[in-house]
Amino acid sequence: MKSVLFILNPISGTVNKENIEVLVERVMDKSRYKWDLVYTEYAGHAEKIAREAAGRNVDVVVAVGGDGTVNEVARGLVKTDTALAIIPCGSGNGLARHLMLPMSPKRAIEVINAMEVHKLDYGVVDNHPFLCTCGIGFDAFIAEKFASAGKRGMMTYVEKIFKDGLGYESETYEYILDDQEPVKQEAWLISCANASQYGNDAYIAPQASMKDGELDIVIMDPVGIQNVVSVNMEMVNKTLDKNQNIHTFKGKKLTVKRQQPGYIHFDGEPAMAPAVVEIELVEQGINIVVNGNANKKKRRPNMFQLAMSEFFNDVDTLNKAIVQRSQDLLEQGKSLQKDIVEKSKDIQKDIVEKGKNIHKLNQEILNKLTGK
């Protein structure tokens, strides 16, 4: 029988973990697996538990929680024979969505029962392993604001983008891809994707694969906060790589140099990092339980995603209307300014002519008085 350990984060996500215990007992195949469940007690505890489980040769460790819990468990399992499985219970569920795992806990447990394990790639940024994405710039800035917000969820994330994002300024970076020549560029963000999305089906790198032995590097020009709505729409529609302000390429290692230390993020978790940041791919470095039926059924967007898509579309429409109105007012202002200049010239010319006439009249009066 194979051994399975479920690691549950009691404070992540919106799913009642007691219900998970009931589902595990009811759905897991008792003829093939023996299992245990343990709750985390502090930040970083999941990594410690997972590493110890791998040391005991546990076959599968299941991360029950959000992207942060999944990342913690994965850090304890990289370069071991123990496989990672996921019951997604977070707000974003980036890796689970990339792997097309069911969002239903019951169906996610059924995937674990099927036990199809693949060796997949993962990335490392400043010694922090990541499975989906890491980033420098705007997304790291927002990740730090989001982490300190005190509450999770997409609405909090959107609030941070539009509230705190107004104060963000792009930076100039120098980067080296693999062994190529250094490139200096001002950018809004630099993202390295091992998987396709941040979470909530927001695709930063639609073509990314965890099996191709390469990272998808995404560099965004300084677009400004006013264009973030359009960018979000393109991520939801999987068309971000078609944006003219987006530059994408593949590689195994990226070195990024900025002017001073600052935040990075790995799978959405913020961390301070030095001015020079090393990012590299580790090929087939982690075993992950995947969904064998993932390509047989296309996931439809849920009601929340549809609502958020409609929200972004409404905001984008409003933003375009504001931009158009601003342009109209600017043109009207230019036209008015031109009219004022022309009228000022006419008035000035009239004043000059009248001045000449007054001077001529004064001269005639003076001549009469003096008898000239």
Protein backbone atom coordinates (compact mmCIF):
# COMPACT_ATOMS: atom_id res chain seq x y z
CA MET A 1 0.00 0.00 0.00
CA LYS A 2 1.16 3.54 -0.75
CA SER A 3 1.43 6.08 2.03
CA VAL A 4 -0.20 9.51 1.76
CA LEU A 5 0.12 12.49 4.10
CA PHE A 6 -2.40 15.34 3.92
CA ILE A 7 -1.07 18.71 5.12
CA LEU A 8 -3.91 21.11 5.88
CA ASN A 9 -3.51 24.84 6.39
CA PRO A 10 -6.37 25.76 8.76
CA ILE A 11 -6.43 29.46 7.84
CA SER A 12 -6.02 29.40 4.05
CA GLY A 13 -8.85 29.52 1.55
CA THR A 14 -12.59 29.33 2.10
CA VAL A 15 -13.10 25.55 2.38
CA ASN A 16 -13.84 24.05 5.80
CA LYS A 17 -10.93 21.70 6.52
CA GLU A 18 -13.11 19.49 8.70
CA ASN A 19 -15.12 18.73 5.58
CA ILE A 20 -11.87 17.74 3.87
CA GLU A 21 -11.20 15.18 6.61
CA VAL A 22 -14.67 13.70 6.07
CA LEU A 23 -14.14 13.57 2.28
CA VAL A 24 -10.72 11.94 2.61
CA GLU A 25 -12.18 9.22 4.82
CA ARG A 26 -15.06 8.66 2.42
CA VAL A 27 -13.35 8.97 -1.00
CA MET A 28 -9.78 7.68 -0.61
CA ASP A 29 -9.25 4.12 -1.84
CA LYS A 30 -8.65 2.14 1.36
CA SER A 31 -7.49 -0.90 -0.59
CA ARG A 32 -4.53 0.98 -2.10
CA TYR A 33 -3.59 3.72 0.36
CA LYS A 34 -2.95 4.36 4.01
CA TRP A 35 -2.96 7.98 5.07
CA ASP A 36 -2.59 10.49 7.84
CA LEU A 37 -3.60 14.14 8.24
CA VAL A 38 -1.74 16.96 9.96
CA TYR A 39 -2.50 20.66 10.42
CA THR A 40 0.10 23.40 10.06
CA GLU A 41 0.70 25.61 13.09
CA TYR A 42 2.84 28.47 11.74
CA ALA A 43 4.28 29.95 8.56
CA GLY A 44 6.85 27.56 7.09
CA HIS A 45 5.53 24.57 9.03
CA ALA A 46 4.24 22.86 5.88
CA GLU A 47 7.74 22.82 4.38
CA LYS A 48 9.17 21.21 7.53
CA ILE A 49 6.43 18.56 7.64
CA ALA A 50 6.84 17.76 3.93
CA ARG A 51 10.63 17.47 4.18
CA GLU A 52 10.34 15.10 7.14
CA ALA A 53 7.73 13.03 5.27
CA ALA A 54 10.06 12.74 2.26
CA GLY A 55 12.79 11.61 4.66
CA ARG A 56 10.47 8.80 5.81
CA ASN A 57 9.83 7.84 2.16
CA VAL A 58 6.15 8.79 2.25
CA ASP A 59 4.87 8.26 -1.29
CA VAL A 60 2.63 11.34 -1.62
CA VAL A 61 2.24 14.56 0.35
CA VAL A 62 -0.99 16.46 -0.32
CA ALA A 63 -1.09 20.24 0.03
CA VAL A 64 -4.57 21.25 1.19
CA GLY A 65 -4.79 25.03 0.89
CA GLY A 66 -3.92 27.92 -1.38
CA ASP A 67 -0.88 28.74 -3.51
CA GLY A 68 1.19 29.63 -0.44
CA THR A 69 0.59 26.24 1.14
CA VAL A 70 1.32 24.47 -2.16
CA ASN A 71 4.61 26.36 -2.48
CA GLU A 72 5.60 25.54 1.11
CA VAL A 73 4.92 21.82 0.66
CA ALA A 74 6.74 21.80 -2.69
CA ARG A 75 9.85 23.37 -1.11
CA GLY A 76 10.07 20.35 1.16
CA LEU A 77 9.67 17.85 -1.71
CA VAL A 78 11.92 19.14 -4.50
CA LYS A 79 14.65 16.72 -5.56
CA THR A 80 13.03 13.84 -3.62
CA ASP A 81 11.05 10.80 -4.75
CA THR A 82 7.95 11.88 -2.80
CA ALA A 83 5.20 13.29 -5.02
CA LEU A 84 3.21 16.46 -4.46
CA ALA A 85 -0.59 16.34 -4.77
CA ILE A 86 -3.02 19.24 -4.41
CA ILE A 87 -6.50 19.79 -3.04
CA PRO A 88 -7.01 23.44 -4.07
CA CYS A 89 -8.67 25.55 -1.37
CA GLY A 90 -7.23 29.01 -2.05
CA SER A 91 -8.41 32.10 -3.85
CA GLY A 92 -6.06 31.84 -6.84
CA ASN A 93 -5.03 28.16 -7.11
CA GLY A 94 -2.51 28.95 -9.86
CA LEU A 95 -0.73 25.59 -10.09
CA ALA A 96 -3.94 23.57 -9.72
CA ARG A 97 -5.56 25.55 -12.54
CA HIS A 98 -2.50 25.22 -14.78
CA LEU A 99 -2.55 21.44 -14.27
CA MET A 100 -6.34 21.47 -14.82
CA LEU A 101 -6.97 19.82 -11.48
CA PRO A 102 -10.59 19.83 -10.29
CA MET A 103 -11.58 22.71 -8.03
CA SER A 104 -13.96 20.33 -6.23
CA PRO A 105 -12.18 18.72 -3.21
CA LYS A 106 -14.00 15.43 -3.80
CA ARG A 107 -12.87 15.22 -7.42
CA ALA A 108 -9.37 16.34 -6.46
CA ILE A 109 -9.19 13.36 -4.08
CA GLU A 110 -10.34 11.10 -6.92
CA VAL A 111 -7.36 12.38 -8.96
CA ILE A 112 -5.10 11.35 -6.07
CA ASN A 113 -6.70 7.90 -6.10
CA ALA A 114 -5.79 7.56 -9.80
CA MET A 115 -2.18 8.38 -8.85
CA GLU A 116 -0.73 9.52 -12.18
CA VAL A 117 2.65 11.05 -11.32
CA HIS A 118 4.80 13.14 -13.69
CA LYS A 119 8.28 14.58 -13.22
CA LEU A 120 7.93 18.32 -13.80
CA ASP A 121 10.16 21.40 -13.82
CA TYR A 122 10.33 24.05 -11.15
CA GLY A 123 12.15 27.37 -10.83
CA VAL A 124 14.38 29.00 -8.23
CA VAL A 125 14.62 32.75 -7.59
CA ASP A 126 17.14 34.02 -5.03
CA ASN A 127 17.16 30.50 -3.49
CA HIS A 128 13.34 30.41 -3.26
CA PRO A 129 11.77 27.50 -5.23
CA PHE A 130 8.64 28.32 -7.22
CA LEU A 131 6.29 26.20 -9.31
CA CYS A 132 4.25 28.77 -11.25
CA THR A 133 5.81 32.22 -11.47
CA CYS A 134 8.28 34.61 -9.93
CA GLY A 135 8.53 38.30 -10.65
CA ILE A 136 10.33 41.59 -10.18
CA GLY A 137 8.64 44.96 -10.49
CA PHE A 138 4.93 45.72 -10.44
CA ASP A 139 3.67 42.19 -9.65
CA ALA A 140 6.15 41.90 -6.74
CA PHE A 141 5.07 45.36 -5.54
CA ILE A 142 1.40 44.31 -5.56
CA ALA A 143 2.23 40.92 -3.97
CA GLU A 144 3.75 42.73 -0.99
CA LYS A 145 0.74 45.05 -0.66
CA PHE A 146 -1.63 42.09 -0.99
CA ALA A 147 0.23 40.05 1.65
CA SER A 148 -0.03 42.89 4.17
CA ALA A 149 -3.70 43.63 3.43
CA GLY A 150 -5.04 41.34 6.13
CA LYS A 151 -7.59 39.71 3.84
CA ARG A 152 -7.37 37.60 0.69
CA GLY A 153 -9.48 37.24 -2.44
CA MET A 154 -9.62 38.73 -5.92
CA MET A 155 -11.40 41.91 -4.84
CA THR A 156 -8.58 42.73 -2.41
CA TYR A 157 -6.08 42.12 -5.20
CA VAL A 158 -7.98 44.42 -7.57
CA GLU A 159 -8.20 47.07 -4.83
CA LYS A 160 -4.44 46.96 -4.34
CA ILE A 161 -3.81 47.31 -8.07
CA PHE A 162 -5.93 50.43 -8.41
CA LYS A 163 -5.17 52.00 -5.03
CA ASP A 164 -1.50 51.29 -4.33
CA GLY A 165 -0.61 50.83 -8.00
CA LEU A 166 -1.10 54.56 -8.63
CA GLY A 167 2.15 55.24 -6.77
CA TYR A 168 4.23 52.66 -8.63
CA GLU A 169 6.99 53.77 -11.01
CA SER A 170 8.82 51.58 -13.53
CA GLU A 171 12.52 50.79 -13.11
CA THR A 172 15.53 50.33 -15.37
CA TYR A 173 16.95 46.80 -15.33
CA GLU A 174 19.94 45.08 -16.87
CA TYR A 175 19.35 41.41 -17.57
CA ILE A 176 21.36 38.51 -18.97
CA LEU A 177 19.53 35.53 -20.48
CA ASP A 178 21.59 32.33 -20.35
CA ASP A 179 25.01 33.27 -21.82
CA GLN A 180 23.85 36.11 -24.07
CA GLU A 181 24.96 39.75 -23.99
CA PRO A 182 23.51 42.02 -21.25
CA VAL A 183 20.43 44.04 -22.16
CA LYS A 184 19.46 47.28 -20.42
CA GLN A 185 15.77 48.14 -20.45
CA GLU A 186 13.18 50.14 -18.55
CA ALA A 187 10.30 47.85 -17.60
CA TRP A 188 7.05 47.75 -15.67
CA LEU A 189 7.75 44.18 -14.62
CA ILE A 190 9.89 41.13 -15.37
CA SER A 191 8.12 37.82 -14.82
CA CYS A 192 9.50 34.30 -15.18
CA ALA A 193 6.85 31.64 -15.71
CA ASN A 194 7.28 27.90 -15.27
CA ALA A 195 3.49 27.50 -15.47
CA SER A 196 1.06 29.58 -17.48
CA GLN A 197 -0.76 31.68 -14.90
CA TYR A 198 -0.69 33.63 -11.67
CA GLY A 199 -4.00 32.14 -10.53
CA ASN A 200 -7.72 32.74 -11.13
CA ASP A 201 -7.03 31.97 -14.81
CA ALA A 202 -4.93 35.13 -15.24
CA TYR A 203 -2.45 33.88 -17.87
CA ILE A 204 0.86 35.76 -17.72
CA ALA A 205 2.48 33.24 -20.11
CA PRO A 206 -0.22 31.31 -22.03
CA GLN A 207 2.31 29.05 -23.79
CA ALA A 208 4.33 28.08 -20.70
CA SER A 209 4.86 24.38 -19.96
CA MET A 210 6.24 22.60 -16.91
CA LYS A 211 7.74 19.93 -19.16
CA ASP A 212 9.74 21.92 -21.75
CA GLY A 213 12.89 22.53 -19.69
CA GLU A 214 12.63 26.31 -20.11
CA LEU A 215 11.21 29.35 -18.38
CA ASP A 216 8.94 31.76 -20.24
CA ILE A 217 10.31 35.25 -19.55
CA VAL A 218 7.85 38.13 -19.85
CA ILE A 219 9.02 41.74 -19.87
CA MET A 220 6.40 44.48 -19.89
CA ASP A 221 7.21 48.00 -21.09
CA PRO A 222 6.31 50.93 -18.79
CA VAL A 223 2.58 50.87 -19.55
CA GLY A 224 1.33 52.91 -16.60
CA ILE A 225 -1.53 52.08 -14.25
CA GLN A 226 -4.09 53.41 -16.76
CA ASN A 227 -3.38 50.42 -19.02
CA VAL A 228 -3.49 47.75 -16.30
CA VAL A 229 -7.19 47.04 -16.95
CA SER A 230 -6.50 46.16 -20.59
CA VAL A 231 -3.56 44.00 -19.52
CA ASN A 232 -5.80 42.11 -17.06
CA MET A 233 -8.36 41.50 -19.78
CA GLU A 234 -5.65 40.10 -22.05
CA MET A 235 -4.44 37.78 -19.27
CA VAL A 236 -7.97 36.40 -18.80
CA ASN A 237 -8.34 36.00 -22.58
CA LYS A 238 -4.91 34.32 -22.95
CA THR A 239 -3.80 37.02 -25.40
CA LEU A 240 -1.22 38.89 -23.31
CA ASP A 241 1.63 37.57 -25.46
CA LYS A 242 0.07 39.42 -28.44
CA ASN A 243 0.34 42.81 -26.68
CA GLN A 244 2.88 45.12 -28.39
CA ASN A 245 4.16 46.23 -24.97
CA ILE A 246 4.97 42.64 -23.97
CA HIS A 247 8.26 40.95 -24.87
CA THR A 248 8.49 37.18 -24.35
CA PHE A 249 11.31 34.72 -24.78
CA LYS A 250 12.48 31.41 -23.33
CA GLY A 251 15.57 30.44 -21.40
CA LYS A 252 16.96 28.39 -18.54
CA LYS A 253 18.61 31.15 -16.51
CA LEU A 254 18.02 34.86 -16.09
CA THR A 255 20.15 37.31 -14.11
CA VAL A 256 18.49 40.64 -13.35
CA LYS A 257 20.34 43.66 -12.00
CA ARG A 258 18.46 46.69 -10.66
CA GLN A 259 19.61 49.89 -8.96
CA GLN A 260 18.93 48.74 -5.40
CA PRO A 261 17.51 45.82 -3.38
CA GLY A 262 13.74 45.41 -3.46
CA TYR A 263 10.85 42.98 -3.46
CA ILE A 264 10.49 39.88 -5.58
CA HIS A 265 7.67 37.36 -5.46
CA PHE A 266 7.65 33.58 -5.85
CA ASP A 267 4.25 32.02 -6.49
CA GLY A 268 2.71 35.23 -5.17
CA GLU A 269 4.70 35.27 -1.92
CA PRO A 270 6.74 38.50 -1.49
CA ALA A 271 10.32 38.59 -0.22
CA MET A 272 13.13 41.11 -0.09
CA ALA A 273 16.01 40.35 -2.46
CA PRO A 274 19.34 41.97 -3.37
CA ALA A 275 19.92 44.26 -6.33
CA VAL A 276 21.19 41.30 -8.39
CA VAL A 277 18.64 38.48 -8.64
CA GLU A 278 19.39 35.02 -10.06
CA ILE A 279 16.54 32.98 -11.57
CA GLU A 280 16.97 29.50 -13.02
CA LEU A 281 15.04 26.40 -14.01
CA VAL A 282 15.48 22.94 -12.48
CA GLU A 283 14.40 20.32 -15.02
CA GLN A 284 12.19 17.44 -13.84
CA GLY A 285 13.04 18.29 -10.24
CA ILE A 286 9.69 17.52 -8.60
CA ASN A 287 7.14 14.70 -8.82
CA ILE A 288 3.54 15.91 -9.05
CA VAL A 289 0.24 14.02 -9.15
CA VAL A 290 -1.53 15.22 -12.31
CA ASN A 291 -5.01 14.90 -13.74
CA GLY A 292 -5.00 12.16 -16.37
CA ASN A 293 -8.29 13.46 -17.77
CA ALA A 294 -7.16 17.10 -17.98
CA ASN A 295 -7.21 17.29 -21.79
CA LYS A 296 -10.54 15.52 -22.17
CA LYS A 297 -12.71 18.29 -20.79
CA LYS A 298 -12.24 22.03 -21.10
CA ARG A 299 -12.83 23.92 -17.87
CA ARG A 300 -15.52 26.57 -18.12
CA PRO A 301 -15.07 29.86 -16.27
CA ASN A 302 -16.96 30.01 -12.99
CA MET A 303 -19.45 32.71 -12.06
CA PHE A 304 -16.84 34.71 -10.16
CA GLN A 305 -14.46 34.71 -13.12
CA LEU A 306 -17.29 35.75 -15.45
CA ALA A 307 -18.24 38.54 -13.04
CA MET A 308 -14.64 39.73 -12.80
CA SER A 309 -14.29 39.60 -16.58
CA GLU A 310 -17.42 41.73 -16.90
CA PHE A 311 -16.08 44.08 -14.22
CA PHE A 312 -12.74 44.52 -16.01
CA ASN A 313 -14.58 45.01 -19.30
CA ASP A 314 -16.78 47.73 -17.76
CA VAL A 315 -13.77 49.44 -16.20
CA ASP A 316 -11.87 49.18 -19.49
CA THR A 317 -14.83 50.74 -21.33
CA LEU A 318 -15.00 53.53 -18.76
CA ASN A 319 -11.24 54.05 -18.97
CA LYS A 320 -11.40 54.33 -22.76
CA ALA A 321 -14.31 56.78 -22.50
CA ILE A 322 -12.33 58.91 -20.04
CA VAL A 323 -9.26 58.85 -22.30
CA GLN A 324 -11.40 59.79 -25.32
CA ARG A 325 -13.13 62.60 -23.40
CA SER A 326 -9.73 63.86 -22.22
CA GLN A 327 -8.48 63.86 -25.80
CA ASP A 328 -11.62 65.70 -26.95
CA LEU A 329 -11.19 68.32 -24.23
CA LEU A 330 -7.53 68.66 -25.14
CA GLU A 331 -8.42 69.24 -28.79
CA GLN A 332 -11.09 71.72 -27.76
CA GLY A 333 -8.55 73.45 -25.55
CA LYS A 334 -6.05 73.64 -28.39
CA SER A 335 -8.74 75.07 -30.70
CA LEU A 336 -9.79 77.59 -28.06
CA GLN A 337 -6.19 78.55 -27.44
CA LYS A 338 -5.70 79.06 -31.18
CA ASP A 339 -8.81 81.28 -31.33
CA ILE A 340 -7.57 83.30 -28.35
CA VAL A 341 -4.16 83.77 -29.97
CA GLU A 342 -5.76 84.89 -33.24
CA LYS A 343 -8.14 87.26 -31.46
CA SER A 344 -5.25 88.60 -29.38
CA LYS A 345 -3.32 89.31 -32.57
CA ASP A 346 -6.34 91.13 -34.05
CA ILE A 347 -6.83 93.15 -30.86
CA GLN A 348 -3.12 93.97 -30.71
CA LYS A 349 -3.15 95.03 -34.37
CA ASP A 350 -6.23 97.17 -33.77
CA ILE A 351 -4.60 98.80 -30.74
CA VAL A 352 -1.47 99.54 -32.77
CA GLU A 353 -3.54 101.11 -35.57
CA LYS A 354 -5.56 103.17 -33.13
CA GLY A 355 -2.37 104.23 -31.41
CA LYS A 356 -0.97 105.41 -34.72
CA ASN A 357 -4.16 107.37 -35.43
CA ILE A 358 -4.07 108.97 -31.96
CA HIS A 359 -0.42 109.87 -32.45
CA LYS A 360 -1.22 111.40 -35.87
CA LEU A 361 -4.14 113.37 -34.38
CA ASN A 362 -1.99 114.61 -31.52
CA GLN A 363 0.63 115.74 -34.03
CA GLU A 364 -1.96 117.66 -36.06
CA ILE A 365 -3.28 119.39 -32.93
CA LEU A 366 0.25 120.29 -31.89
CA ASN A 367 1.01 121.72 -35.35
CA LYS A 368 -2.12 123.93 -35.24
CA LEU A 369 -1.25 125.21 -31.78
CA THR A 370 2.30 126.09 -32.75
CA GLY A 371 1.28 127.51 -36.12
CA LYS A 372 3.26 125.04 -38.07
